[in-house]
Amino acid sequence: MRKTLRLLLVVFLLLPCFFTAFAQERTISGTILSDDNNPLVFVTVTNKTTKKSVVTTEAGRFSIPAEKGHVLSVTYVGYSTKEITVGDNTVITIRLASTQNSMDAVEVTALGIPRSKKSLGYSTQQVKGEDLAQAQRENVLTALAGRVAGVTVTTTTGLPGASVGIMLRGAVSMDGSNQPLFVIDGMPVDNSTFAQGALVSDGPNRNNDYSNRLMDLNPNDIESINVLKGPEATALYGNAGASGAIIITTRKAKSGRTATSYDNAFRLEKVTRFPEIQQEYGRGTAGNRDLLTRTFLGPKYADTATIYNNIENFFKTGFTQKHNLSVESGSEKNSYRLSTNYIDQDGIVNRQCDSFSQV
């Protein structure tokens, strides 16, 4: 009888504590936004007391069990970590501030797999699309020149539409293409120029220049470029990645945002340095006139002779104009981005053949 009374007394004393603890268990829900009020997807929210974690949905929303006084840790790549102490409110809104340093710590590797830069055992280098767009080049590859270590960019000529070849860390083939594999949003693209009996690096594409396919890609549509150099970095691509791989990620619309952008650029090109040539003696040898010879050691030009500067007449002032227009919008379920690019490039070669003459 006494044991029964003691048990009832203990239950009676612990019952208020049980109801109090039960009443304190609740769910905290909310939305996580960026510093420009866009919802962030796959943000990790961790209750540091219970060690439970959840991730946000496409709308940036989350729900996690937490009591008053618990601390919620919010972490996301590219944004600073933020800790929130749970109060009386059960619905909260959290804004994260972006950090440039954290963005540089993530690399897009083979097959589009994002990895932490510190965890990679091979050499990679990232170039932002903003830097490529600011270069105002007509070809994406020429914009990479001087921005990536160990990369050789070769232009066939300086004329508009000239093909551009690129090599990573030297040639690996004597009779094939030495250009790296290009992957645009997971789709492999062949950028090799049409070689006419070439050995190494598609060299003699000079008789007929067929350009290269990467010039069809608008630099303003690129979000980032990751250059994978070593064989370990391109092992998943097999033989196609023997010369390295360049992973291109294009821009995509952000959820909950509608934007229209336009930019233009104008450029003038002019040749200012010419080789020094003599304009005193005509064709010939030892003072004798001979139009068949290539030497200019013949008789002197007459004082009344008209001297034509065919080298300077061969060039003119080139003019290039670029126009870019893009429209993008996104929601929780779908998004779209439309862009167009117009380039009109008039080179520096004078096409008026009647301006060239000989004495």
Protein backbone atom coordinates (compact mmCIF):
# COMPACT_ATOMS: atom_id res chain seq x y z
CA MET A 1 0.00 0.00 0.00
CA ARG A 2 2.81 2.37 0.89
CA LYS A 3 4.62 1.59 -2.43
CA THR A 4 1.47 2.42 -4.36
CA LEU A 5 1.06 5.72 -2.55
CA ARG A 6 4.71 6.63 -3.18
CA LEU A 7 4.37 5.84 -6.90
CA LEU A 8 1.24 7.98 -7.19
CA LEU A 9 2.99 10.81 -5.36
CA VAL A 10 5.95 10.71 -7.73
CA VAL A 11 3.68 10.68 -10.78
CA PHE A 12 1.70 13.58 -9.37
CA LEU A 13 4.86 15.62 -8.80
CA LEU A 14 6.36 14.92 -12.28
CA LEU A 15 3.11 15.46 -14.20
CA PRO A 16 3.42 19.32 -14.38
CA CYS A 17 6.98 19.03 -15.66
CA PHE A 18 5.84 16.63 -18.36
CA PHE A 19 3.09 18.95 -19.55
CA THR A 20 5.50 21.92 -19.44
CA ALA A 21 8.09 20.11 -21.57
CA PHE A 22 5.42 18.94 -24.00
CA ALA A 23 4.08 22.45 -24.31
CA GLN A 24 7.55 23.83 -25.11
CA GLU A 25 8.14 21.49 -28.09
CA ARG A 26 7.25 23.41 -31.24
CA THR A 27 8.27 23.89 -34.88
CA ILE A 28 10.05 26.96 -36.14
CA SER A 29 9.37 27.80 -39.79
CA GLY A 30 10.57 30.60 -41.94
CA THR A 31 12.13 31.85 -45.17
CA ILE A 32 15.77 32.46 -46.00
CA LEU A 33 16.54 35.27 -48.44
CA SER A 34 19.68 36.68 -50.03
CA ASP A 35 20.80 40.26 -49.53
CA ASP A 36 18.82 41.20 -52.67
CA ASN A 37 15.62 39.54 -51.32
CA ASN A 38 15.80 36.42 -53.50
CA PRO A 39 14.93 33.06 -51.90
CA LEU A 40 17.89 30.71 -51.41
CA VAL A 41 17.57 27.02 -52.23
CA PHE A 42 19.25 24.13 -50.33
CA VAL A 43 20.35 26.31 -47.42
CA THR A 44 21.27 24.17 -44.38
CA VAL A 45 19.52 25.07 -41.10
CA THR A 46 20.87 23.25 -38.04
CA ASN A 47 19.56 23.24 -34.46
CA LYS A 48 22.82 23.35 -32.50
CA THR A 49 21.09 22.00 -29.40
CA THR A 50 19.38 18.94 -30.90
CA LYS A 51 21.85 18.56 -33.82
CA LYS A 52 18.95 18.21 -36.28
CA SER A 53 19.31 19.76 -39.74
CA VAL A 54 16.98 20.62 -42.61
CA VAL A 55 17.42 22.32 -46.01
CA THR A 56 15.29 24.98 -47.63
CA THR A 57 12.92 24.35 -50.51
CA GLU A 58 12.94 26.09 -53.90
CA ALA A 59 10.99 28.92 -52.28
CA GLY A 60 13.65 29.27 -49.56
CA ARG A 61 11.34 27.91 -46.82
CA PHE A 62 12.21 25.58 -43.94
CA SER A 63 10.67 23.99 -40.83
CA ILE A 64 12.66 22.60 -37.89
CA PRO A 65 11.77 21.50 -34.33
CA ALA A 66 13.19 23.97 -31.80
CA GLU A 67 12.41 25.40 -28.39
CA LYS A 68 12.82 28.87 -27.00
CA GLY A 69 16.49 29.55 -26.33
CA HIS A 70 17.79 27.08 -28.93
CA VAL A 71 20.30 28.38 -31.45
CA LEU A 72 19.76 27.86 -35.21
CA SER A 73 22.85 27.90 -37.45
CA VAL A 74 22.25 28.86 -41.10
CA THR A 75 25.00 27.96 -43.59
CA TYR A 76 25.14 28.29 -47.37
CA VAL A 77 27.99 28.28 -49.88
CA GLY A 78 28.85 31.79 -50.95
CA TYR A 79 27.15 33.42 -47.96
CA SER A 80 28.29 34.15 -44.43
CA THR A 81 27.09 31.81 -41.66
CA LYS A 82 24.39 33.25 -39.42
CA GLU A 83 23.14 32.10 -35.99
CA ILE A 84 19.63 32.86 -34.71
CA THR A 85 18.41 32.40 -31.12
CA VAL A 86 14.82 31.11 -31.01
CA GLY A 87 12.45 33.49 -29.26
CA ASP A 88 8.70 33.71 -28.95
CA ASN A 89 8.05 33.91 -32.71
CA THR A 90 7.47 30.64 -34.57
CA VAL A 91 7.77 32.21 -38.04
CA ILE A 92 10.99 34.04 -38.89
CA THR A 93 12.73 35.55 -41.92
CA ILE A 94 16.51 35.29 -42.24
CA ARG A 95 18.67 37.26 -44.67
CA LEU A 96 22.17 36.10 -45.55
CA ALA A 97 24.98 38.34 -46.76
CA SER A 98 27.01 37.10 -49.71
CA THR A 99 30.76 36.74 -49.40
CA GLN A 100 33.00 36.87 -52.49
CA ASN A 101 35.67 34.69 -50.89
CA SER A 102 33.27 31.81 -50.30
CA MET A 103 32.16 31.81 -53.93
CA ASP A 104 35.74 31.36 -55.06
CA ALA A 105 36.00 28.22 -52.90
CA VAL A 106 33.59 26.21 -55.10
CA GLU A 107 34.62 24.67 -58.42
CA VAL A 108 32.51 22.94 -61.06
CA THR A 109 34.43 19.75 -61.91
CA ALA A 110 33.90 16.98 -64.48
CA LEU A 111 30.29 16.13 -65.33
CA GLY A 112 29.20 19.38 -63.67
CA ILE A 113 29.84 18.17 -60.12
CA PRO A 114 30.43 21.09 -57.69
CA ARG A 115 33.30 20.47 -55.29
CA SER A 116 35.11 22.46 -52.66
CA LYS A 117 38.35 23.85 -54.06
CA LYS A 118 40.29 22.68 -51.00
CA SER A 119 39.21 19.07 -51.52
CA LEU A 120 40.52 18.85 -55.10
CA GLY A 121 43.80 17.07 -55.74
CA TYR A 122 44.38 18.55 -59.17
CA SER A 123 44.79 21.96 -60.78
CA THR A 124 41.74 24.00 -61.72
CA GLN A 125 41.15 27.66 -62.36
CA GLN A 126 37.93 29.62 -62.56
CA VAL A 127 37.14 32.69 -64.65
CA LYS A 128 33.98 34.64 -63.99
CA GLY A 129 31.62 35.51 -66.79
CA GLU A 130 31.66 39.15 -65.74
CA ASP A 131 35.39 39.34 -66.47
CA LEU A 132 34.87 37.81 -69.92
CA ALA A 133 32.06 40.24 -70.75
CA GLN A 134 34.13 43.24 -69.67
CA ALA A 135 36.90 42.24 -72.08
CA GLN A 136 34.49 43.04 -74.96
CA ARG A 137 35.96 40.39 -77.24
CA GLU A 138 34.11 38.90 -80.19
CA ASN A 139 35.44 35.41 -79.36
CA VAL A 140 35.21 33.78 -75.93
CA LEU A 141 38.64 32.18 -76.28
CA THR A 142 40.45 35.46 -76.94
CA ALA A 143 38.95 36.77 -73.71
CA LEU A 144 40.67 33.89 -71.86
CA ALA A 145 44.13 34.98 -73.02
CA GLY A 146 46.23 36.06 -70.05
CA ARG A 147 43.60 35.03 -67.48
CA VAL A 148 44.47 31.34 -67.02
CA ALA A 149 47.94 30.03 -66.22
CA GLY A 150 49.41 27.56 -68.70
CA VAL A 151 46.89 28.35 -71.44
CA THR A 152 48.03 29.23 -74.96
CA VAL A 153 45.52 31.07 -77.16
CA THR A 154 46.41 31.36 -80.86
CA THR A 155 44.52 33.46 -83.39
CA THR A 156 44.88 32.53 -87.05
CA THR A 157 44.77 36.15 -88.28
CA GLY A 158 43.67 39.50 -87.00
CA LEU A 159 40.74 39.69 -89.40
CA PRO A 160 37.10 39.58 -88.30
CA GLY A 161 35.84 36.04 -87.75
CA ALA A 162 39.32 34.52 -87.55
CA SER A 163 39.52 31.11 -85.92
CA VAL A 164 41.04 30.79 -82.45
CA GLY A 165 42.81 27.72 -81.09
CA ILE A 166 43.60 26.99 -77.46
CA MET A 167 45.95 24.54 -75.73
CA LEU A 168 46.33 23.62 -72.07
CA ARG A 169 49.84 22.74 -70.87
CA GLY A 170 51.22 22.00 -74.35
CA ALA A 171 50.47 19.52 -77.14
CA VAL A 172 49.74 15.85 -76.49
CA SER A 173 49.10 14.66 -80.07
CA MET A 174 51.24 14.89 -83.22
CA ASP A 175 48.49 14.46 -85.80
CA GLY A 176 45.24 15.19 -83.97
CA SER A 177 43.55 18.11 -82.32
CA ASN A 178 45.26 19.38 -79.18
CA GLN A 179 42.40 21.58 -78.10
CA PRO A 180 40.68 20.76 -74.81
CA LEU A 181 37.20 19.33 -74.51
CA PHE A 182 34.55 22.02 -74.14
CA VAL A 183 31.48 21.22 -72.05
CA ILE A 184 28.63 23.74 -72.03
CA ASP A 185 26.05 22.99 -69.30
CA GLY A 186 26.95 19.30 -69.51
CA MET A 187 26.93 19.13 -73.33
CA PRO A 188 30.31 18.41 -75.03
CA VAL A 189 31.15 20.78 -77.88
CA ASP A 190 33.82 20.32 -80.54
CA ASN A 191 35.87 23.48 -81.06
CA SER A 192 38.64 22.09 -83.27
CA THR A 193 39.34 24.11 -86.39
CA PHE A 194 39.34 22.47 -89.81
CA ALA A 195 42.95 21.37 -90.32
CA GLN A 196 44.31 21.08 -93.83
CA GLY A 197 47.09 18.55 -93.39
CA ALA A 198 48.09 19.97 -90.00
CA LEU A 199 50.57 18.63 -87.49
CA VAL A 200 50.09 19.77 -83.90
CA SER A 201 47.57 22.40 -82.80
CA ASP A 202 45.61 22.63 -86.07
CA GLY A 203 48.24 25.03 -87.44
CA PRO A 204 47.66 25.58 -91.19
CA ASN A 205 44.10 26.80 -91.02
CA ARG A 206 45.31 29.73 -93.08
CA ASN A 207 44.38 28.86 -96.65
CA ASN A 208 40.68 28.88 -95.85
CA ASP A 209 39.66 30.02 -92.38
CA TYR A 210 36.51 28.23 -91.24
CA SER A 211 36.52 29.91 -87.78
CA ASN A 212 35.76 27.94 -84.61
CA ARG A 213 32.45 27.06 -83.03
CA LEU A 214 33.08 28.64 -79.63
CA MET A 215 32.85 32.03 -81.30
CA ASP A 216 29.09 31.39 -81.59
CA LEU A 217 28.81 31.62 -77.79
CA ASN A 218 27.99 35.06 -76.41
CA PRO A 219 30.36 35.98 -73.54
CA ASN A 220 27.48 37.82 -71.84
CA ASP A 221 25.63 34.50 -71.48
CA ILE A 222 28.43 32.87 -69.47
CA GLU A 223 28.20 32.61 -65.69
CA SER A 224 31.62 31.06 -65.14
CA ILE A 225 34.34 29.00 -66.83
CA ASN A 226 36.32 26.28 -65.04
CA VAL A 227 39.55 25.11 -66.65
CA LEU A 228 40.50 21.50 -65.80
CA LYS A 229 44.12 20.92 -66.74
CA GLY A 230 45.47 17.66 -65.35
CA PRO A 231 44.55 14.08 -66.39
CA GLU A 232 43.05 13.49 -62.94
CA ALA A 233 40.60 16.35 -63.51
CA THR A 234 39.36 14.99 -66.84
CA ALA A 235 39.49 11.25 -66.10
CA LEU A 236 35.70 10.96 -66.24
CA TYR A 237 35.73 12.16 -69.86
CA GLY A 238 38.16 9.46 -71.00
CA ASN A 239 40.17 10.02 -74.17
CA ALA A 240 38.06 13.06 -75.09
CA GLY A 241 39.59 14.94 -72.17
CA ALA A 242 43.20 14.02 -72.91
CA SER A 243 44.03 17.65 -73.67
CA GLY A 244 42.11 18.98 -70.68
CA ALA A 245 38.58 20.28 -70.38
CA ILE A 246 36.93 23.68 -70.15
CA ILE A 247 33.62 23.60 -68.29
CA ILE A 248 31.30 26.48 -69.22
CA THR A 249 28.26 27.31 -67.08
CA THR A 250 25.75 29.67 -68.67
CA ARG A 251 23.62 32.24 -66.90
CA LYS A 252 20.20 31.24 -65.58
CA ALA A 253 17.27 33.25 -64.32
CA LYS A 254 16.88 33.62 -60.56
CA SER A 255 13.69 32.63 -58.79
CA GLY A 256 11.35 35.47 -57.92
CA ARG A 257 13.14 37.99 -60.09
CA THR A 258 12.37 39.65 -63.43
CA ALA A 259 15.12 41.64 -65.11
CA THR A 260 15.91 43.21 -68.46
CA SER A 261 19.44 44.31 -69.31
CA TYR A 262 21.07 46.00 -72.27
CA ASP A 263 24.66 47.00 -72.91
CA ASN A 264 26.73 48.07 -75.89
CA ALA A 265 30.32 48.66 -76.82
CA PHE A 266 32.07 50.50 -79.64
CA ARG A 267 35.70 50.17 -80.64
CA LEU A 268 38.04 51.79 -83.16
CA GLU A 269 41.15 50.01 -84.43
CA LYS A 270 44.02 51.64 -86.24
CA VAL A 271 47.52 50.46 -87.18
CA THR A 272 50.05 53.03 -85.98
CA ARG A 273 53.42 51.29 -86.45
CA PHE A 274 54.72 50.33 -89.89
CA PRO A 275 58.06 48.88 -91.03
CA GLU A 276 60.60 51.30 -92.44
CA ILE A 277 60.99 50.91 -96.21
CA GLN A 278 63.14 52.71 -98.70
CA GLN A 279 61.40 54.86 -101.32
CA GLU A 280 64.42 55.93 -103.33
CA TYR A 281 65.31 53.01 -105.63
CA GLY A 282 63.09 50.96 -107.92
CA ARG A 283 63.16 47.26 -108.82
CA GLY A 284 66.36 45.91 -110.27
CA THR A 285 69.94 44.93 -109.47
CA ALA A 286 73.14 47.00 -109.47
CA GLY A 287 71.35 50.07 -110.77
CA ASN A 288 69.70 48.22 -113.68
CA ARG A 289 65.92 48.16 -113.92
CA ASP A 290 64.38 44.68 -113.74
CA LEU A 291 60.66 44.29 -112.89
CA LEU A 292 60.99 40.53 -112.43
CA THR A 293 63.41 40.71 -109.55
CA ARG A 294 62.27 41.08 -105.97
CA THR A 295 65.11 43.34 -104.94
CA PHE A 296 64.89 47.13 -104.98
CA LEU A 297 68.44 47.97 -105.96
CA GLY A 298 67.68 49.34 -109.42
CA PRO A 299 67.85 52.92 -110.67
CA LYS A 300 66.63 55.80 -108.58
CA TYR A 301 63.10 57.01 -108.94
CA ALA A 302 62.73 60.17 -110.99
CA ASP A 303 62.04 63.34 -109.05
CA THR A 304 58.68 63.65 -110.79
CA ALA A 305 57.67 60.03 -110.00
CA THR A 306 54.67 59.49 -107.74
CA ILE A 307 55.53 57.31 -104.74
CA TYR A 308 52.67 55.21 -103.40
CA ASN A 309 52.63 54.05 -99.80
CA ASN A 310 51.04 50.67 -100.41
CA ILE A 311 51.61 49.46 -96.85
CA GLU A 312 49.67 52.25 -95.19
CA ASN A 313 47.04 52.15 -97.95
CA PHE A 314 46.51 48.45 -97.20
CA PHE A 315 45.10 49.31 -93.76
CA LYS A 316 42.29 51.53 -92.64
CA THR A 317 40.57 52.41 -89.39
CA GLY A 318 38.43 49.50 -88.23
CA PHE A 319 35.13 49.91 -86.40
CA THR A 320 33.31 47.39 -84.21
CA GLN A 321 29.97 47.68 -82.45
CA LYS A 322 28.32 45.21 -80.07
CA HIS A 323 24.81 45.16 -78.64
CA ASN A 324 23.51 42.73 -75.99
CA LEU A 325 19.92 42.41 -74.82
CA SER A 326 18.60 39.87 -72.30
CA VAL A 327 15.28 39.25 -70.56
CA GLU A 328 14.92 36.82 -67.66
CA SER A 329 12.30 35.82 -65.12
CA GLY A 330 11.84 32.97 -62.68
CA SER A 331 9.42 31.49 -60.17
CA GLU A 332 9.44 28.56 -57.76
CA LYS A 333 8.57 26.07 -60.51
CA ASN A 334 10.11 27.39 -63.71
CA SER A 335 12.34 30.08 -65.14
CA TYR A 336 13.44 31.40 -68.51
CA ARG A 337 16.16 33.62 -69.94
CA LEU A 338 16.21 35.04 -73.46
CA SER A 339 19.19 36.87 -74.89
CA THR A 340 20.35 38.21 -78.22
CA ASN A 341 23.67 39.57 -79.38
CA TYR A 342 24.53 41.71 -82.41
CA ILE A 343 28.11 42.23 -83.60
CA ASP A 344 29.19 44.31 -86.57
CA GLN A 345 32.94 44.27 -87.06
CA ASP A 346 34.66 46.07 -89.91
CA GLY A 347 38.33 45.07 -89.90
CA ILE A 348 41.46 47.08 -90.53
CA VAL A 349 42.15 45.68 -94.03
CA ASN A 350 41.23 48.07 -96.82
CA ARG A 351 39.13 46.27 -99.43
CA GLN A 352 39.43 49.06 -102.02
CA CYS A 353 42.01 47.44 -104.25
CA ASP A 354 42.28 50.45 -106.56
CA SER A 355 44.20 52.32 -103.84
CA PHE A 356 47.25 50.09 -104.36
CA SER A 357 49.68 50.92 -107.14
CA GLN A 358 53.25 50.42 -108.15
CA VAL A 359 55.77 52.82 -109.59
